[in-house]
Each structure stands twice: as structure tokens, then as C-alpha cells.
């Protein structure tokens, strides 16, 4: 089952990457292998059996206000605060039609935390013939959530509460896949629910 969910996430990532690239090309903006639009968060949901996996990917600027490596105590505190919020998914997601219990939550803030990671990131770019540096850095923050739902067939929507703790978020592009369907929603301050039916 875990392998199927991984395949679903890979498919969702590929499809959203093609869509984002086409949109960026159309706008004649600089494109990369991933969408990176300030104010916008990418959210993917995969429900298989009673397992619900949610992945969030956001430019760091939406969550902490900057994308460079943290150097001041204020910046480091902003990262720790954002990480604490992301690791409290009970306050970020609510479920309609089914009770879903959190099994695991992870948040990756390494893109903006610490010099050690910065050097490894630069070396990665050099190994692949890419340019690094502050001016071209687009740091993302990732979070993954694994829930077990007691009545997955009755889950009709997931309400997302990322806008309040993170005012830098203007829009959430949500893509979802279940055993019976798939879809996409654009969420905003006035529309926070992902409808799964």
C-alpha cells in the first residue's frame, strides 16, 4: 500500500510540474523543474484504504518571510515557529465525514536553516553543473502528514487552516486522488475546503 501511495504522489508531482511549467512558459517567466510562486502553496492528498497522506510544498517566503539561509536570531526564531505550526496538523487540517488520526508528521526547513546545509546545497548544484548563490536560490519548505481514517469512504472534504498562521499564503493549489476519483481545488481565504466528491 505504501508503494501505491508513493506512486500516486509521484504521478501528482509530475502532473502538477507539467501544468506549472506550461503556465510559467506562457507567462514568459524564468522556469525551473518545480513551480515556485510566492504566495502560493502546493498541496497533494492521496487516500488509499484508510491511509490519508498529505504533502505541502511552499516557498519559504510564504511561511517565514525570506528564502535565504537564516543568519539572525529573529530569522531562526521565525523558522522554529513555522516548524512548530507545521508539526501541529490537528490545528491545520479538519476532516468532514471521517475521523482521521495523525500517525506521523514531518517538516523539512533545511532550505533556510544553517550554513552546513547551504554548503551541501551549493555542492549539489556544482555537481550538476548548475549555478548556486543567493540571487538564484528559491528555498522551499516541505511538510508530510500521514493519517489513519476510521471511515475513509465517508470522507467528503478536508478543511485547510494554513492561511491564519501564515499570512504570506494567498492561494493553495490542491490536487487529490482517492480510490474512486481525483480532482483539484484552488483554496483561498474565503474557500478553505478541499471537496473530495
Protein backbone atom coordinates (compact mmCIF):
# COMPACT_ATOMS: atom_id res chain seq x y z
CA UNK A 1 0.00 0.00 0.00
CA UNK A 2 2.85 2.38 0.83
CA UNK A 3 4.32 1.75 -2.63
CA UNK A 4 0.96 2.62 -4.27
CA UNK A 5 0.77 5.90 -2.32
CA UNK A 6 4.33 6.74 -3.36
CA UNK A 7 3.38 6.13 -6.99
CA UNK A 8 0.28 8.33 -6.57
CA UNK A 9 2.39 11.16 -5.13
CA UNK A 10 4.91 10.78 -7.96
CA UNK A 11 2.14 10.96 -10.55
CA UNK A 12 0.61 14.00 -8.87
CA UNK A 13 4.02 15.70 -8.72
CA UNK A 14 4.70 15.02 -12.39
CA UNK A 15 1.28 16.28 -13.48
CA UNK A 16 1.48 19.41 -11.35
CA UNK A 17 5.02 20.03 -12.64
CA UNK A 18 3.86 19.89 -16.27
CA UNK A 19 0.93 22.19 -15.50
CA UNK A 20 3.08 24.68 -13.61
CA UNK A 21 5.75 24.68 -16.34
CA UNK A 22 3.21 25.32 -19.07
CA UNK A 23 1.73 28.20 -17.07
CA UNK A 24 5.16 29.69 -16.39
CA UNK A 25 6.22 29.34 -20.04
CA UNK A 26 3.02 31.05 -21.08
CA UNK A 27 3.80 33.98 -18.83
CA UNK A 28 7.40 34.16 -20.16
CA UNK A 29 8.85 33.85 -16.66
CA UNK A 30 12.02 32.05 -15.64
CA UNK A 31 11.08 28.38 -15.28
CA UNK A 32 12.62 25.58 -13.27
CA UNK A 33 11.79 21.94 -12.62
CA UNK A 34 9.25 22.94 -9.95
CA UNK A 35 6.71 25.69 -9.58
CA UNK A 36 7.88 28.32 -7.13
CA UNK A 37 5.38 31.13 -6.88
CA UNK A 38 5.41 33.39 -3.85
CA UNK A 39 2.03 33.46 -2.13
CA UNK A 40 1.11 30.02 -3.49
CA UNK A 41 1.29 26.64 -1.75
CA UNK A 42 1.06 23.24 -3.47
CA UNK A 43 -0.90 20.62 -1.52
CA UNK A 44 -1.35 16.99 -2.57
CA UNK A 45 -3.66 14.48 -0.90
CA UNK A 46 -3.76 10.72 -1.53
CA UNK A 47 -6.35 8.50 0.14
CA UNK A 48 -5.98 4.74 -0.19
CA UNK A 49 -7.75 2.35 2.11
CA UNK A 50 -7.80 4.06 5.49
CA UNK A 51 -4.49 5.87 4.88
CA UNK A 52 -4.55 9.57 4.04
CA UNK A 53 -1.26 11.22 3.09
CA UNK A 54 -0.98 14.99 2.70
CA UNK A 55 2.10 16.75 1.30
CA UNK A 56 2.59 20.51 1.44
CA UNK A 57 5.24 22.38 -0.54
CA UNK A 58 5.65 26.12 -0.15
CA UNK A 59 8.21 28.79 -0.95
CA UNK A 60 9.89 29.58 2.36
CA UNK A 61 8.94 33.25 1.95
CA UNK A 62 5.25 32.33 2.47
CA UNK A 63 5.97 30.78 5.86
CA UNK A 64 8.97 32.63 7.30
CA UNK A 65 9.21 35.81 5.22
CA UNK A 66 12.55 35.04 3.50
CA UNK A 67 14.30 32.35 1.44
CA UNK A 68 17.99 32.76 2.26
CA UNK A 69 19.79 30.83 4.98
CA UNK A 70 18.87 32.18 8.39
CA UNK A 71 21.64 34.27 9.93
CA UNK A 72 19.94 36.29 12.68
CA UNK A 73 18.23 35.10 15.84
CA UNK A 74 14.99 36.66 14.57
CA UNK A 75 15.15 34.61 11.37
CA UNK A 76 15.97 31.42 13.26
CA UNK A 77 13.06 32.08 15.61
CA UNK A 78 10.73 32.54 12.62
CA UNK A 79 11.81 29.16 11.26
CA UNK A 80 11.30 27.42 14.61
CA UNK A 81 7.84 29.00 14.93
CA UNK A 82 6.84 27.91 11.42
CA UNK A 83 8.16 24.40 12.03
CA UNK A 84 6.18 24.13 15.29
CA UNK A 85 2.97 25.16 13.48
CA UNK A 86 3.61 22.69 10.65
CA UNK A 87 4.15 19.91 13.19
CA UNK A 88 0.71 20.61 14.72
CA UNK A 89 -1.51 19.27 11.92
CA UNK A 90 -4.55 18.91 14.19
CA UNK A 91 -4.76 22.70 14.02
CA UNK A 92 -4.11 22.81 10.26
CA UNK A 93 -6.49 20.15 8.93
CA UNK A 94 -10.02 19.13 9.85
CA UNK A 95 -11.97 16.29 8.27
CA UNK A 96 -15.66 16.09 7.33
CA UNK A 97 -17.27 12.65 7.32
CA UNK A 98 -14.45 10.68 8.95
CA UNK A 99 -12.22 10.87 11.99
CA UNK A 100 -8.60 10.82 10.89
CA UNK A 101 -5.89 10.17 13.47
CA UNK A 102 -2.39 11.52 12.94
CA UNK A 103 0.23 8.79 12.62
CA UNK A 104 3.25 10.87 11.57
CA UNK A 105 4.14 14.46 10.70
CA UNK A 106 7.44 15.78 9.32
CA UNK A 107 8.59 19.24 8.26
CA UNK A 108 11.73 19.98 6.23
CA UNK A 109 13.03 23.51 6.80
CA UNK A 110 16.62 22.72 5.81
CA UNK A 111 16.40 25.04 2.79
CA UNK A 112 16.54 28.07 5.09
CA UNK A 113 18.29 26.67 8.18
CA UNK A 114 22.02 26.63 8.85
CA UNK A 115 25.24 27.10 6.89
CA UNK A 116 26.11 23.37 6.80
CA UNK A 117 23.07 22.60 4.63
CA UNK A 118 23.88 25.64 2.45
CA UNK A 119 27.33 24.27 1.58
CA UNK A 120 25.87 20.86 0.74
CA UNK A 121 23.25 22.55 -1.46
CA UNK A 122 25.94 24.53 -3.30
CA UNK A 123 27.99 21.36 -3.82
CA UNK A 124 24.90 19.62 -5.23
CA UNK A 125 24.46 22.45 -7.75
CA UNK A 126 28.14 22.31 -8.72
CA UNK A 127 27.99 18.53 -9.22
CA UNK A 128 25.11 19.01 -11.65
CA UNK A 129 26.64 21.98 -13.46
CA UNK A 130 24.06 24.37 -12.01
CA UNK A 131 24.65 27.83 -10.66
CA UNK A 132 24.05 28.44 -6.99
CA UNK A 133 24.10 31.57 -4.90
CA UNK A 134 21.73 33.82 -3.02
CA UNK A 135 20.27 35.53 -6.06
CA UNK A 136 19.09 32.29 -7.66
CA UNK A 137 18.03 30.44 -4.52
CA UNK A 138 14.38 29.55 -4.27
CA UNK A 139 14.08 27.71 -0.97
CA UNK A 140 11.02 25.59 -0.30
CA UNK A 141 9.63 24.19 2.93
CA UNK A 142 8.05 20.75 2.77
CA UNK A 143 5.73 19.00 5.20
CA UNK A 144 4.30 15.48 5.08
CA UNK A 145 1.38 14.14 7.10
CA UNK A 146 0.18 10.57 7.48
CA UNK A 147 -3.31 9.95 8.91
CA UNK A 148 -5.39 6.86 9.54
CA UNK A 149 -9.11 7.47 8.87
CA UNK A 150 -11.77 5.30 10.51
CA UNK A 151 -14.39 5.74 7.72
CA UNK A 152 -12.39 6.71 4.64
CA UNK A 153 -15.35 6.11 2.30
CA UNK A 154 -17.29 8.80 4.16
CA UNK A 155 -14.56 11.45 3.97
CA UNK A 156 -16.14 14.22 1.90
CA UNK A 157 -13.81 17.17 2.48
CA UNK A 158 -10.65 18.38 4.18
CA UNK A 159 -10.57 21.92 5.55
CA UNK A 160 -7.16 23.58 5.47
CA UNK A 161 -6.25 26.24 8.07
CA UNK A 162 -2.87 27.41 6.76
CA UNK A 163 -3.97 30.98 5.97
CA UNK A 164 -4.27 32.20 9.57
CA UNK A 165 -0.84 31.18 10.93
CA UNK A 166 0.84 32.06 7.61
CA UNK A 167 -0.50 35.35 6.19
CA UNK A 168 2.05 35.13 3.37
CA UNK A 169 -0.09 32.40 1.80
CA UNK A 170 -2.57 33.82 -0.71
CA UNK A 171 -3.61 30.66 -2.56
CA UNK A 172 -3.37 26.90 -2.15
CA UNK A 173 -3.38 24.68 -5.24
CA UNK A 174 -4.71 21.33 -4.03
CA UNK A 175 -4.62 18.10 -6.03
CA UNK A 176 -6.25 14.98 -4.62
CA UNK A 177 -6.52 11.30 -5.52
CA UNK A 178 -8.72 8.66 -3.90
CA UNK A 179 -9.58 5.11 -4.95
CA UNK A 180 -12.80 6.43 -6.52
CA UNK A 181 -11.71 9.69 -8.12
CA UNK A 182 -9.35 12.62 -8.42
CA UNK A 183 -9.62 16.36 -8.66
CA UNK A 184 -8.14 19.74 -7.96
CA UNK A 185 -9.21 22.80 -5.96
CA UNK A 186 -7.88 26.31 -5.57
CA UNK A 187 -8.22 27.44 -1.97
CA UNK A 188 -8.21 30.98 -0.66
CA UNK A 189 -9.17 32.84 2.48
CA UNK A 190 -12.86 32.52 1.58
CA UNK A 191 -12.66 28.92 0.31
CA UNK A 192 -10.69 26.61 2.59
CA UNK A 193 -12.24 23.19 1.94
CA UNK A 194 -10.94 20.56 -0.46
CA UNK A 195 -14.01 18.66 -1.69
CA UNK A 196 -13.25 15.02 -2.32
CA UNK A 197 -16.63 14.30 -4.02
